[in-house]
N, C-alpha and C. Protein backbone atom coordinates (compact mmCIF):
# COMPACT_ATOMS: atom_id res chain seq x y z
N UNK A 1 -4.85 62.10 100.92
CA UNK A 1 -6.20 62.52 100.65
C UNK A 1 -6.30 64.02 100.98
N UNK A 2 -6.76 64.78 100.02
CA UNK A 2 -6.82 66.24 100.19
C UNK A 2 -8.12 66.67 100.88
N UNK A 3 -7.98 67.49 101.90
CA UNK A 3 -9.13 68.10 102.54
C UNK A 3 -9.43 69.38 101.76
N UNK A 4 -10.56 69.41 101.07
CA UNK A 4 -10.88 70.54 100.18
C UNK A 4 -11.13 71.84 100.93
N UNK A 5 -11.42 71.75 102.21
CA UNK A 5 -11.61 72.96 103.02
C UNK A 5 -10.31 73.75 103.10
N UNK A 6 -9.19 73.04 103.18
CA UNK A 6 -7.89 73.70 103.39
C UNK A 6 -7.58 74.76 102.33
N UNK A 7 -7.96 74.50 101.08
CA UNK A 7 -7.65 75.44 100.00
C UNK A 7 -8.90 76.06 99.38
N UNK A 8 -10.01 76.00 100.14
CA UNK A 8 -11.28 76.58 99.67
C UNK A 8 -11.65 76.03 98.28
N UNK A 9 -11.59 74.70 98.13
CA UNK A 9 -11.87 74.06 96.85
C UNK A 9 -13.24 73.39 96.79
N UNK A 10 -14.11 73.66 97.74
CA UNK A 10 -15.43 73.04 97.78
C UNK A 10 -16.32 73.73 96.74
N UNK A 11 -16.90 72.93 95.84
CA UNK A 11 -17.78 73.45 94.80
C UNK A 11 -19.23 73.14 95.14
N UNK A 12 -20.11 74.11 94.99
CA UNK A 12 -21.51 73.86 95.25
C UNK A 12 -22.08 72.96 94.15
N UNK A 13 -23.04 72.13 94.56
CA UNK A 13 -23.69 71.22 93.62
C UNK A 13 -23.06 69.83 93.58
N UNK A 14 -21.87 69.67 94.14
CA UNK A 14 -21.19 68.38 94.11
C UNK A 14 -21.46 67.58 95.37
N UNK A 15 -21.34 66.27 95.24
CA UNK A 15 -21.46 65.36 96.39
C UNK A 15 -20.06 65.08 96.91
N UNK A 16 -19.90 65.21 98.23
CA UNK A 16 -18.62 64.99 98.88
C UNK A 16 -18.81 64.10 100.10
N UNK A 17 -17.72 63.53 100.56
CA UNK A 17 -17.68 62.90 101.87
C UNK A 17 -17.38 64.02 102.86
N UNK A 18 -18.25 64.16 103.86
CA UNK A 18 -18.12 65.25 104.82
C UNK A 18 -17.87 64.65 106.20
N UNK A 19 -16.79 65.09 106.84
CA UNK A 19 -16.44 64.60 108.17
C UNK A 19 -16.76 65.68 109.19
N UNK A 20 -17.56 65.29 110.18
CA UNK A 20 -17.97 66.23 111.23
C UNK A 20 -17.06 66.08 112.44
N UNK A 21 -17.07 67.09 113.29
CA UNK A 21 -16.28 67.09 114.52
C UNK A 21 -16.64 65.92 115.42
N UNK A 22 -17.92 65.50 115.40
CA UNK A 22 -18.38 64.41 116.28
C UNK A 22 -18.01 63.03 115.74
N UNK A 23 -17.29 62.98 114.61
CA UNK A 23 -16.84 61.71 114.07
C UNK A 23 -17.71 61.15 112.95
N UNK A 24 -18.88 61.74 112.72
CA UNK A 24 -19.75 61.28 111.63
C UNK A 24 -19.10 61.58 110.29
N UNK A 25 -19.14 60.60 109.39
CA UNK A 25 -18.66 60.79 108.02
C UNK A 25 -19.74 60.27 107.10
N UNK A 26 -20.28 61.17 106.27
CA UNK A 26 -21.37 60.81 105.37
C UNK A 26 -21.21 61.56 104.06
N UNK A 27 -21.90 61.07 103.05
CA UNK A 27 -21.89 61.78 101.77
C UNK A 27 -23.06 62.75 101.73
N UNK A 28 -22.75 63.98 101.38
CA UNK A 28 -23.74 65.04 101.27
C UNK A 28 -23.47 65.84 100.03
N UNK A 29 -24.53 66.41 99.48
CA UNK A 29 -24.38 67.38 98.39
C UNK A 29 -24.27 68.76 99.02
N UNK A 30 -23.27 69.53 98.62
CA UNK A 30 -23.12 70.90 99.10
C UNK A 30 -23.95 71.79 98.19
N UNK A 31 -25.04 72.32 98.72
CA UNK A 31 -25.93 73.16 97.92
C UNK A 31 -25.45 74.61 97.88
N UNK A 32 -24.89 75.06 98.99
CA UNK A 32 -24.46 76.45 99.08
C UNK A 32 -23.60 76.59 100.33
N UNK A 33 -23.02 77.75 100.48
CA UNK A 33 -22.32 78.04 101.73
C UNK A 33 -22.42 79.53 102.03
N UNK A 34 -22.40 79.84 103.31
CA UNK A 34 -22.36 81.22 103.78
C UNK A 34 -21.02 81.37 104.48
N UNK A 35 -20.71 82.53 104.97
CA UNK A 35 -19.44 82.67 105.69
C UNK A 35 -19.34 81.75 106.92
N UNK A 36 -20.48 81.33 107.48
CA UNK A 36 -20.45 80.54 108.71
C UNK A 36 -21.03 79.14 108.59
N UNK A 37 -21.76 78.84 107.50
CA UNK A 37 -22.46 77.55 107.38
C UNK A 37 -22.32 76.95 105.98
N UNK A 38 -22.41 75.61 105.95
CA UNK A 38 -22.61 74.88 104.70
C UNK A 38 -24.08 74.49 104.65
N UNK A 39 -24.69 74.62 103.48
CA UNK A 39 -26.05 74.14 103.26
C UNK A 39 -25.90 72.82 102.54
N UNK A 40 -26.31 71.73 103.18
CA UNK A 40 -26.07 70.37 102.70
C UNK A 40 -27.39 69.67 102.44
N UNK A 41 -27.36 68.64 101.62
CA UNK A 41 -28.54 67.81 101.41
C UNK A 41 -28.13 66.35 101.24
N UNK A 42 -29.09 65.49 101.51
CA UNK A 42 -28.94 64.07 101.23
C UNK A 42 -30.31 63.54 100.87
N UNK A 43 -30.35 62.44 100.17
CA UNK A 43 -31.64 61.88 99.76
C UNK A 43 -31.81 60.49 100.35
N UNK A 44 -33.06 60.21 100.66
CA UNK A 44 -33.45 58.88 101.07
C UNK A 44 -34.34 58.34 99.94
N UNK A 45 -35.04 57.27 100.16
CA UNK A 45 -35.82 56.64 99.09
C UNK A 45 -36.62 57.62 98.25
N UNK A 46 -37.44 58.43 98.86
CA UNK A 46 -38.30 59.33 98.07
C UNK A 46 -38.23 60.77 98.54
N UNK A 47 -37.32 61.11 99.43
CA UNK A 47 -37.26 62.46 99.95
C UNK A 47 -35.85 63.01 99.84
N UNK A 48 -35.78 64.32 99.87
CA UNK A 48 -34.50 65.02 99.94
C UNK A 48 -34.53 65.87 101.19
N UNK A 49 -33.55 65.69 102.03
CA UNK A 49 -33.43 66.46 103.26
C UNK A 49 -32.37 67.54 103.07
N UNK A 50 -32.70 68.76 103.45
CA UNK A 50 -31.78 69.88 103.35
C UNK A 50 -31.57 70.43 104.75
N UNK A 51 -30.31 70.69 105.10
CA UNK A 51 -30.01 71.22 106.43
C UNK A 51 -28.75 72.07 106.36
N UNK A 52 -28.54 72.85 107.40
CA UNK A 52 -27.32 73.65 107.47
C UNK A 52 -26.44 73.12 108.58
N UNK A 53 -25.15 73.25 108.38
CA UNK A 53 -24.17 72.79 109.36
C UNK A 53 -23.14 73.90 109.54
N UNK A 54 -22.86 74.26 110.78
CA UNK A 54 -21.85 75.28 111.03
C UNK A 54 -20.50 74.81 110.49
N UNK A 55 -19.80 75.71 109.85
CA UNK A 55 -18.48 75.36 109.31
C UNK A 55 -17.54 74.90 110.42
N UNK A 56 -17.71 75.43 111.62
CA UNK A 56 -16.84 75.03 112.73
C UNK A 56 -17.09 73.57 113.14
N UNK A 57 -18.23 72.99 112.76
CA UNK A 57 -18.54 71.59 113.06
C UNK A 57 -18.03 70.63 111.99
N UNK A 58 -17.57 71.16 110.86
CA UNK A 58 -17.10 70.34 109.75
C UNK A 58 -15.57 70.39 109.75
N UNK A 59 -14.94 69.21 109.87
CA UNK A 59 -13.46 69.21 109.90
C UNK A 59 -12.84 68.75 108.59
N UNK A 60 -13.67 68.18 107.71
CA UNK A 60 -13.11 67.74 106.43
C UNK A 60 -14.16 67.55 105.36
N UNK A 61 -13.83 67.93 104.14
CA UNK A 61 -14.66 67.66 102.97
C UNK A 61 -13.73 67.07 101.92
N UNK A 62 -14.10 65.88 101.43
CA UNK A 62 -13.22 65.12 100.55
C UNK A 62 -13.97 64.66 99.31
N UNK A 63 -13.25 64.53 98.20
CA UNK A 63 -13.82 63.94 96.99
C UNK A 63 -14.23 62.51 97.32
N UNK A 64 -15.41 62.10 96.88
CA UNK A 64 -15.93 60.78 97.22
C UNK A 64 -14.99 59.69 96.73
N UNK A 65 -14.58 59.73 95.51
CA UNK A 65 -13.72 58.67 94.97
C UNK A 65 -12.38 58.59 95.70
N UNK A 66 -11.79 59.74 95.97
CA UNK A 66 -10.51 59.77 96.67
C UNK A 66 -10.67 59.21 98.09
N UNK A 67 -11.79 59.56 98.75
CA UNK A 67 -12.04 59.06 100.09
C UNK A 67 -12.19 57.54 100.08
N UNK A 68 -12.99 57.00 99.14
CA UNK A 68 -13.18 55.54 99.08
C UNK A 68 -11.89 54.84 98.71
N UNK A 69 -11.11 55.41 97.80
CA UNK A 69 -9.84 54.79 97.43
C UNK A 69 -8.88 54.72 98.61
N UNK A 70 -8.93 55.71 99.48
CA UNK A 70 -8.04 55.75 100.64
C UNK A 70 -8.63 55.00 101.83
N UNK A 71 -9.84 55.34 102.23
CA UNK A 71 -10.44 54.81 103.44
C UNK A 71 -11.06 53.42 103.22
N UNK A 72 -11.51 53.14 102.02
CA UNK A 72 -12.14 51.87 101.73
C UNK A 72 -11.18 50.70 101.81
N UNK A 73 -9.90 50.97 101.70
CA UNK A 73 -8.88 49.92 101.75
C UNK A 73 -8.44 49.61 103.18
N UNK A 74 -8.90 50.42 104.13
CA UNK A 74 -8.49 50.20 105.52
C UNK A 74 -9.42 49.24 106.22
């Protein structure tokens, strides 16, 4: 499974599985990035939440399908 951070392959506007340093793994849309932060969003029933996360707190960004194909089998 390729970590897209390693080769700077993260595209804005796409939904990815994002792994945080604290162990949280969730799907987020990457809206933008700055040199120090990712701007991420997720949606609930009727709302969209937008937040920023320090790049140093993110240890992995993976294609959703590739992540499920690899991790979903475990």
